[in-house]
Amino acid sequence: MTETDKRLHAPGVNHDAAMVMEVTTPFVSLQREPSSSSMQITQALFGERIKVFDVQSDWLWCQLQRDSYVGYILKSSASEVLSNPSHRVAVPSTFMYPKADIKSQPVLALPMNAQVEAVAADGKFTQISNGKFVYSAHLKQAEEFEIDFVAIAEKFLNVPYYWGGKTIFGLDCSGLVQSSLQACGIAVLRDTDLQEKQLGRNLMVNDLAGLQRGDLVFWKGHVGIMTDDKTLLHANGHHMLTVKEPLADAVDRIALTGSQVTSVKRLEGRLFSGGG
């Protein structure tokens, strides 16, 4: 049983009495402890539902409904008022404007996969339930998904590496995989080891030959996405960026730290034919 499981099933945790809330800031850190200096373990995005088990001063101890991750978020970043999300942000980032005018000063920026409730259309803009306006072409219906998760992942090229991040403002290796697959309607767990168990079928890793676009390459604590048979896309702490580089270079460099490739997984089905 993981530490999260132990905490969720500890005496006194009343799941039936848990309160459902919704994230109201563009994104918020989910932290290990109720402190702004505590480590960020992932992020929750605008419109995401959370299940709140406890309130500690300014902090909510909660579980994200998307991927079941558990931690603390600031109470000010969530509301008991629940929207009815109808659309998702389908570009890396888009602004919320105070009115339907590109010359008005944007209020905040929403990241990809944020969920919004559209209440009205005003020309090229969509008004959402908080009264703000989003450029309509940057939204898609909530159930209208992408068809090429690699192309989505490539939109994050050169984004800074950020532990626990999953937005255009910074992300980590498993956040890149989770976010790009989520845009394609694929529910993915958050951590690398869980993704390695969850996703795809195993390929032989003895010579790393015959790989194709969309294959996932795993190390202990790390994952990257093949964009073709020789090139790896990954958010990593060596470059402190999301980069494309020859897989062979990444394998050799990571081997110097004592870590070898643990598996290569191939995702199959209509989304993952290996095509461009």
Protein backbone atom coordinates (compact mmCIF):
# COMPACT_ATOMS: atom_id res chain seq x y z
CA MET A 1 0.00 0.00 0.00
CA THR A 2 1.38 3.41 -0.99
CA GLU A 3 1.68 6.31 1.44
CA THR A 4 -1.24 7.95 -0.36
CA ASP A 5 -3.37 4.84 0.08
CA LYS A 6 -2.48 4.71 3.77
CA ARG A 7 -3.52 8.32 4.29
CA LEU A 8 -6.75 7.92 2.32
CA HIS A 9 -7.73 4.84 4.30
CA ALA A 10 -6.59 6.06 7.69
CA PRO A 11 -9.10 6.16 10.56
CA GLY A 12 -11.12 9.35 10.53
CA VAL A 13 -11.06 9.90 6.77
CA ASN A 14 -14.73 9.97 5.84
CA HIS A 15 -15.02 9.50 2.10
CA ASP A 16 -18.80 9.81 2.16
CA ALA A 17 -18.56 13.23 3.76
CA ALA A 18 -15.91 14.53 1.37
CA MET A 19 -16.84 17.78 -0.36
CA VAL A 20 -16.50 18.16 -4.13
CA MET A 21 -15.00 21.47 -5.23
CA GLU A 22 -13.71 22.94 -8.47
CA VAL A 23 -10.42 24.67 -9.29
CA THR A 24 -11.02 28.32 -10.18
CA THR A 25 -7.47 29.53 -10.85
CA PRO A 26 -5.74 28.76 -14.19
CA PHE A 27 -3.67 26.12 -12.40
CA VAL A 28 -2.63 25.45 -8.83
CA SER A 29 0.14 23.44 -7.18
CA LEU A 30 -0.81 20.24 -5.42
CA GLN A 31 1.74 20.10 -2.64
CA ARG A 32 2.95 17.33 -0.39
CA GLU A 33 2.33 19.30 2.81
CA PRO A 34 0.14 22.33 3.66
CA SER A 35 2.90 24.85 3.09
CA SER A 36 3.92 27.07 0.17
CA SER A 37 7.49 25.85 0.65
CA SER A 38 6.49 22.19 0.39
CA MET A 39 7.33 20.26 -2.77
CA GLN A 40 4.91 20.51 -5.67
CA ILE A 41 3.89 16.99 -6.70
CA THR A 42 1.54 17.88 -9.55
CA GLN A 43 -0.88 20.59 -10.62
CA ALA A 44 -4.65 20.90 -10.89
CA LEU A 45 -6.10 22.91 -13.76
CA PHE A 46 -8.99 25.34 -14.12
CA GLY A 47 -12.33 23.52 -14.04
CA GLU A 48 -10.88 20.35 -12.52
CA ARG A 49 -12.90 18.70 -9.77
CA ILE A 50 -11.33 17.82 -6.45
CA LYS A 51 -12.59 15.75 -3.53
CA VAL A 52 -11.83 17.56 -0.26
CA PHE A 53 -11.33 15.49 2.90
CA ASP A 54 -9.99 18.12 5.30
CA VAL A 55 -9.47 21.87 5.64
CA GLN A 56 -6.38 23.10 7.46
CA SER A 57 -6.35 26.88 7.72
CA ASP A 58 -5.63 28.07 4.15
CA TRP A 59 -5.20 24.57 2.74
CA LEU A 60 -7.42 21.82 1.39
CA TRP A 61 -6.32 18.20 1.69
CA CYS A 62 -7.85 16.70 -1.41
CA GLN A 63 -7.79 14.15 -4.18
CA LEU A 64 -7.84 15.12 -7.85
CA GLN A 65 -10.71 13.40 -9.60
CA ARG A 66 -8.86 13.16 -12.92
CA ASP A 67 -5.95 11.01 -11.80
CA SER A 68 -6.58 10.36 -8.07
CA TYR A 69 -3.46 12.24 -6.94
CA VAL A 70 -3.62 13.38 -3.31
CA GLY A 71 -2.10 16.44 -1.67
CA TYR A 72 -2.76 19.99 -0.51
CA ILE A 73 -3.92 22.99 -2.53
CA LEU A 74 -4.63 26.55 -1.44
CA LYS A 75 -8.23 26.99 -0.35
CA SER A 76 -8.44 30.24 -2.30
CA SER A 77 -7.90 28.36 -5.57
CA ALA A 78 -11.13 26.33 -5.41
CA SER A 79 -14.84 26.87 -5.01
CA GLU A 80 -17.85 24.86 -3.87
CA VAL A 81 -19.75 26.31 -6.84
CA LEU A 82 -19.52 23.73 -9.61
CA SER A 83 -19.72 24.61 -13.28
CA ASN A 84 -20.88 22.34 -16.08
CA PRO A 85 -17.78 22.15 -18.32
CA SER A 86 -18.70 22.10 -22.00
CA HIS A 87 -15.35 22.90 -23.60
CA ARG A 88 -11.64 22.38 -23.08
CA VAL A 89 -8.68 24.58 -23.95
CA ALA A 90 -7.15 22.98 -27.05
CA VAL A 91 -4.07 25.18 -27.50
CA PRO A 92 -1.00 25.41 -25.24
CA SER A 93 -2.35 28.57 -23.59
CA THR A 94 -5.09 31.13 -24.11
CA PHE A 95 -6.19 34.31 -22.37
CA MET A 96 -9.32 35.11 -20.41
CA TYR A 97 -10.41 38.62 -21.37
CA PRO A 98 -12.71 40.94 -19.39
CA LYS A 99 -14.72 41.56 -22.58
CA ALA A 100 -14.93 40.27 -26.14
CA ASP A 101 -12.14 42.48 -27.39
CA ILE A 102 -8.53 41.46 -28.12
CA LYS A 103 -7.43 44.96 -27.14
CA SER A 104 -8.83 44.59 -23.63
CA GLN A 105 -6.32 43.64 -20.96
CA PRO A 106 -6.35 39.85 -20.40
CA VAL A 107 -7.12 38.79 -16.86
CA LEU A 108 -5.31 35.45 -16.76
CA ALA A 109 -4.02 32.72 -19.08
CA LEU A 110 -5.58 29.26 -19.16
CA PRO A 111 -3.46 26.20 -19.97
CA MET A 112 -4.21 23.34 -22.33
CA ASN A 113 -6.74 20.87 -20.90
CA ALA A 114 -8.38 23.46 -18.67
CA GLN A 115 -12.15 22.94 -18.69
CA VAL A 116 -14.67 25.76 -19.09
CA GLU A 117 -18.42 26.16 -19.25
CA ALA A 118 -19.50 28.18 -22.26
CA VAL A 119 -22.56 30.33 -21.56
CA ALA A 120 -22.70 32.61 -24.60
CA ALA A 121 -21.01 33.34 -27.91
CA ASP A 122 -20.04 36.89 -28.85
CA GLY A 123 -18.51 37.08 -32.31
CA LYS A 124 -15.09 35.43 -32.20
CA PHE A 125 -15.29 35.05 -28.43
CA THR A 126 -17.00 32.67 -26.02
CA GLN A 127 -18.15 33.89 -22.65
CA ILE A 128 -17.55 31.36 -19.89
CA SER A 129 -19.29 30.88 -16.56
CA ASN A 130 -16.99 33.20 -14.59
CA GLY A 131 -17.99 36.07 -16.88
CA LYS A 132 -14.71 36.22 -18.78
CA PHE A 133 -14.21 35.76 -22.53
CA VAL A 134 -12.00 33.24 -24.35
CA TYR A 135 -11.12 33.28 -28.04
CA SER A 136 -13.50 30.67 -29.48
CA ALA A 137 -11.00 29.09 -31.89
CA HIS A 138 -8.86 28.09 -28.89
CA LEU A 139 -11.64 25.92 -27.47
CA LYS A 140 -13.05 22.56 -28.49
CA GLN A 141 -16.07 20.68 -27.26
CA ALA A 142 -15.22 18.75 -24.11
CA GLU A 143 -15.51 15.41 -25.90
CA GLU A 144 -13.79 16.53 -29.11
CA PHE A 145 -10.30 15.09 -28.79
CA GLU A 146 -7.06 15.29 -30.75
CA ILE A 147 -5.85 12.38 -32.88
CA ASP A 148 -2.05 12.66 -32.60
CA PHE A 149 -0.65 12.85 -29.08
CA VAL A 150 2.91 13.25 -30.39
CA ALA A 151 1.92 16.40 -32.27
CA ILE A 152 0.40 17.72 -29.05
CA ALA A 153 3.56 16.89 -27.08
CA GLU A 154 5.65 18.70 -29.70
CA LYS A 155 3.76 21.92 -28.92
CA PHE A 156 5.64 21.92 -25.58
CA LEU A 157 9.09 21.96 -27.21
CA ASN A 158 11.46 24.31 -25.31
CA VAL A 159 9.06 24.69 -22.37
CA PRO A 160 11.05 24.87 -19.09
CA TYR A 161 11.45 21.74 -17.02
CA TYR A 162 9.43 22.10 -13.82
CA TRP A 163 9.02 19.34 -11.25
CA GLY A 164 5.32 18.49 -10.94
CA GLY A 165 4.32 20.85 -13.76
CA LYS A 166 1.91 20.06 -16.59
CA THR A 167 1.40 23.35 -18.46
CA ILE A 168 3.12 25.52 -21.08
CA PHE A 169 4.66 27.45 -18.17
CA GLY A 170 6.66 24.39 -17.10
CA LEU A 171 6.32 20.62 -16.95
CA ASP A 172 8.15 17.42 -16.15
CA CYS A 173 8.55 14.21 -18.15
CA SER A 174 5.44 12.41 -16.94
CA GLY A 175 3.45 15.65 -17.06
CA LEU A 176 4.28 15.92 -20.76
CA VAL A 177 3.02 12.38 -21.39
CA GLN A 178 -0.10 12.83 -19.27
CA SER A 179 -1.08 16.19 -20.75
CA SER A 180 -0.59 15.18 -24.39
CA LEU A 181 -2.52 11.94 -24.00
CA GLN A 182 -5.27 13.69 -22.03
CA ALA A 183 -5.78 16.03 -24.99
CA CYS A 184 -6.53 12.87 -26.98
CA GLY A 185 -9.09 11.65 -24.47
CA ILE A 186 -6.79 9.08 -22.86
CA ALA A 187 -6.87 9.01 -19.05
CA VAL A 188 -3.31 8.56 -17.82
CA LEU A 189 -1.86 8.20 -14.35
CA ARG A 190 0.59 10.87 -13.19
CA ASP A 191 3.88 9.22 -12.21
CA THR A 192 6.40 7.61 -14.53
CA ASP A 193 6.33 4.21 -12.80
CA LEU A 194 2.53 4.11 -12.98
CA GLN A 195 2.54 5.14 -16.64
CA GLU A 196 5.06 2.39 -17.39
CA LYS A 197 2.69 -0.18 -15.90
CA GLN A 198 -0.46 1.31 -17.43
CA LEU A 199 0.41 2.14 -21.00
CA GLY A 200 0.97 0.07 -24.12
CA ARG A 201 2.67 -3.25 -24.78
CA ASN A 202 6.29 -4.08 -24.15
CA LEU A 203 8.86 -4.06 -26.95
CA MET A 204 12.32 -5.57 -26.86
CA VAL A 205 14.87 -3.08 -25.53
CA ASN A 206 18.13 -4.89 -26.25
CA ASP A 207 19.14 -2.74 -29.23
CA LEU A 208 16.38 -0.08 -29.37
CA ALA A 209 15.98 -0.74 -33.09
CA GLY A 210 12.67 -0.64 -34.93
CA LEU A 211 11.12 2.08 -32.80
CA GLN A 212 8.46 4.34 -34.26
CA ARG A 213 6.66 7.60 -33.66
CA GLY A 214 4.65 7.46 -30.45
CA ASP A 215 6.67 4.78 -28.66
CA LEU A 216 7.42 5.59 -25.03
CA VAL A 217 10.91 4.97 -23.63
CA PHE A 218 11.17 4.51 -19.87
CA TRP A 219 13.99 4.71 -17.38
CA LYS A 220 13.58 4.55 -13.63
CA GLY A 221 11.94 7.88 -12.88
CA HIS A 222 11.97 9.16 -16.47
CA VAL A 223 10.04 8.83 -19.73
CA GLY A 224 10.31 10.22 -23.24
CA ILE A 225 8.27 10.11 -26.45
CA MET A 226 9.71 8.99 -29.79
CA THR A 227 8.89 11.47 -32.58
CA ASP A 228 10.42 9.16 -35.20
CA ASP A 229 12.58 6.03 -35.12
CA LYS A 230 15.63 7.86 -33.74
CA THR A 231 14.47 11.05 -32.00
CA LEU A 232 13.31 11.40 -28.39
CA LEU A 233 11.13 14.24 -27.09
CA HIS A 234 11.33 14.64 -23.32
CA ALA A 235 11.19 17.18 -20.51
CA ASN A 236 14.38 16.66 -18.54
CA GLY A 237 16.56 18.10 -15.82
CA HIS A 238 19.75 17.91 -17.89
CA HIS A 239 18.64 20.56 -20.37
CA MET A 240 16.04 22.03 -17.96
CA LEU A 241 13.79 22.14 -21.02
CA THR A 242 11.58 19.96 -23.15
CA VAL A 243 13.88 18.99 -26.01
CA LYS A 244 14.21 16.75 -29.03
CA GLU A 245 17.48 14.86 -29.25
CA PRO A 246 18.81 11.60 -30.70
CA LEU A 247 17.63 8.72 -28.52
CA ALA A 248 21.17 7.31 -28.58
CA ASP A 249 22.52 10.51 -27.01
CA ALA A 250 19.95 10.41 -24.21
CA VAL A 251 20.58 6.71 -23.57
CA ASP A 252 24.34 7.21 -23.34
CA ARG A 253 24.11 10.28 -21.12
CA ILE A 254 21.60 8.73 -18.72
CA ALA A 255 23.69 5.55 -18.56
CA LEU A 256 26.50 7.63 -17.07
CA THR A 257 24.23 8.18 -14.05
CA GLY A 258 23.84 4.42 -13.66
CA SER A 259 20.36 4.20 -15.18
CA GLN A 260 19.41 2.00 -18.13
CA VAL A 261 16.25 1.85 -20.23
CA THR A 262 13.74 -0.27 -18.32
CA SER A 263 11.11 -0.65 -21.03
CA VAL A 264 9.79 0.58 -24.34
CA LYS A 265 6.01 0.66 -24.67
CA ARG A 266 3.97 0.86 -27.87
CA LEU A 267 0.55 2.46 -27.70
CA GLU A 268 -1.91 0.88 -30.06
CA GLY A 269 -5.32 1.66 -31.49
CA ARG A 270 -6.58 4.40 -33.76
CA LEU A 271 -4.46 7.10 -32.11
CA PHE A 272 -1.18 5.27 -32.16
CA SER A 273 -0.55 3.79 -35.59
CA GLY A 274 2.94 5.26 -35.71
CA GLY A 275 2.02 7.66 -38.50
CA GLY A 276 2.74 11.34 -38.66
